[in-house]
Amino acid sequence: ITPTPEHNTVLFYNIFVPSNTKKQKEQAIDIVTEQLHTIQQSAIKDVPIRYVLVAPNQTSQIAQQIEALPGCQNCKAIRQVRQGNEELTLNQLHHHCHQHPNDRVVYIHSK
């Protein structure tokens, strides 16, 4: 997808960070870091990123950590929950499409 002047592009990102162990949490953040790096190398590097964070523990601390990552300067949390799935993000994407029918959307997830 290449952004065009006549169409805004918005990326919706479902991020899941488990809390089972420190290592699993770090692995999840590493995946997000890698995906943000890939976005920065693409044609959509400047689009707004709207994310839903699913993290059983320390949700706001994890959101701050994510927004401090390189490539996340356009990131904005649209929801932070302790449990949920991709449906939360897809519902936000669907709502956005109804509100902005001329926009283009991209969906990714960290799992």
Protein backbone atom coordinates (compact mmCIF):
# COMPACT_ATOMS: atom_id res chain seq x y z
CA ILE A 1 0.00 0.00 0.00
CA THR A 2 1.39 3.35 -0.99
CA PRO A 3 -0.08 6.45 0.66
CA THR A 4 -1.54 8.93 -1.81
CA PRO A 5 -2.62 12.56 -1.42
CA GLU A 6 -6.28 11.66 -1.99
CA HIS A 7 -6.30 8.81 0.56
CA ASN A 8 -5.10 8.81 4.14
CA THR A 9 -3.56 5.57 5.33
CA VAL A 10 -3.83 4.40 8.92
CA LEU A 11 -2.15 1.33 10.38
CA PHE A 12 -4.00 -0.64 13.05
CA TYR A 13 -1.75 -2.75 15.22
CA ASN A 14 -2.80 -5.44 17.68
CA ILE A 15 -0.04 -5.90 20.25
CA PHE A 16 -0.03 -8.78 22.71
CA VAL A 17 2.52 -8.88 25.51
CA PRO A 18 2.31 -11.94 27.76
CA SER A 19 3.24 -11.67 31.39
CA ASN A 20 4.17 -15.29 32.09
CA THR A 21 7.89 -14.59 32.35
CA LYS A 22 10.27 -11.70 31.88
CA LYS A 23 11.77 -13.53 28.89
CA GLN A 24 8.37 -13.83 27.16
CA LYS A 25 7.67 -10.15 27.76
CA GLU A 26 11.08 -9.22 26.32
CA GLN A 27 10.49 -11.48 23.29
CA ALA A 28 7.14 -9.79 22.65
CA ILE A 29 8.74 -6.32 22.80
CA ASP A 30 11.51 -7.55 20.46
CA ILE A 31 8.85 -8.63 17.94
CA VAL A 32 7.21 -5.20 18.13
CA THR A 33 10.61 -3.55 17.69
CA GLU A 34 11.33 -5.66 14.60
CA GLN A 35 7.91 -4.99 13.09
CA LEU A 36 8.25 -1.23 13.66
CA HIS A 37 11.66 -1.37 11.99
CA THR A 38 10.12 -3.13 8.98
CA ILE A 39 7.40 -0.47 8.79
CA GLN A 40 10.08 2.24 8.84
CA GLN A 41 11.71 0.64 5.79
CA SER A 42 8.44 0.61 3.83
CA ALA A 43 6.25 3.01 1.88
CA ILE A 44 4.00 3.41 4.94
CA LYS A 45 6.73 4.62 7.30
CA ASP A 46 4.98 7.94 8.04
CA VAL A 47 1.41 6.74 8.54
CA PRO A 48 -0.28 7.00 11.92
CA ILE A 49 -0.18 3.79 13.94
CA ARG A 50 -3.19 3.13 16.16
CA TYR A 51 -2.68 0.20 18.46
CA VAL A 52 -4.58 -1.92 20.93
CA LEU A 53 -2.38 -3.31 23.67
CA VAL A 54 -3.35 -6.57 25.33
CA ALA A 55 -1.13 -7.11 28.36
CA PRO A 56 -2.25 -8.92 31.51
CA ASN A 57 0.06 -6.87 33.76
CA GLN A 58 1.67 -3.41 33.76
CA THR A 59 -0.37 -2.28 30.76
CA SER A 60 0.41 1.44 31.00
CA GLN A 61 4.12 0.82 31.65
CA ILE A 62 4.29 -1.44 28.59
CA ALA A 63 2.47 1.17 26.50
CA GLN A 64 5.07 3.76 27.51
CA GLN A 65 7.85 1.32 26.61
CA ILE A 66 6.29 0.66 23.20
CA GLU A 67 5.80 4.34 22.41
CA ALA A 68 9.47 4.98 23.23
CA LEU A 69 10.63 2.43 20.63
CA PRO A 70 12.31 3.65 17.44
CA GLY A 71 9.72 3.91 14.68
CA CYS A 72 6.84 4.53 17.06
CA GLN A 73 6.77 8.32 16.85
CA ASN A 74 3.36 8.08 15.13
CA CYS A 75 1.96 5.52 17.59
CA LYS A 76 -1.13 6.14 19.66
CA ALA A 77 -2.84 3.67 21.96
CA ILE A 78 -6.54 3.40 21.20
CA ARG A 79 -7.13 0.77 23.88
CA GLN A 80 -5.18 -0.88 26.67
CA VAL A 81 -6.69 -4.01 28.16
CA ARG A 82 -5.61 -6.88 30.39
CA GLN A 83 -7.26 -9.54 28.24
CA GLY A 84 -8.65 -9.69 24.76
CA ASN A 85 -7.81 -10.67 21.22
CA GLU A 86 -7.52 -9.34 17.67
CA GLU A 87 -11.24 -8.63 17.55
CA LEU A 88 -10.68 -5.51 19.69
CA THR A 89 -8.37 -4.02 17.09
CA LEU A 90 -10.44 -5.17 14.14
CA ASN A 91 -13.51 -3.50 15.67
CA GLN A 92 -11.57 -0.23 15.89
CA LEU A 93 -10.46 -0.65 12.27
CA HIS A 94 -14.04 -1.33 11.19
CA HIS A 95 -15.31 1.73 13.02
CA HIS A 96 -12.59 3.86 11.41
CA CYS A 97 -13.56 2.62 7.95
CA HIS A 98 -17.18 3.63 8.53
CA GLN A 99 -16.14 7.05 9.79
CA HIS A 100 -13.52 7.59 7.05
CA PRO A 101 -14.62 5.61 3.97
CA ASN A 102 -11.92 7.12 1.73
CA ASP A 103 -9.04 6.11 3.99
CA ARG A 104 -6.87 3.09 3.41
CA VAL A 105 -6.11 0.85 6.35
CA VAL A 106 -3.43 -1.68 7.19
CA TYR A 107 -3.73 -4.32 9.92
CA ILE A 108 -0.90 -6.17 11.63
CA HIS A 109 -0.48 -8.03 14.88
CA SER A 110 2.49 -9.00 16.97
CA LYS A 111 1.73 -12.69 17.45
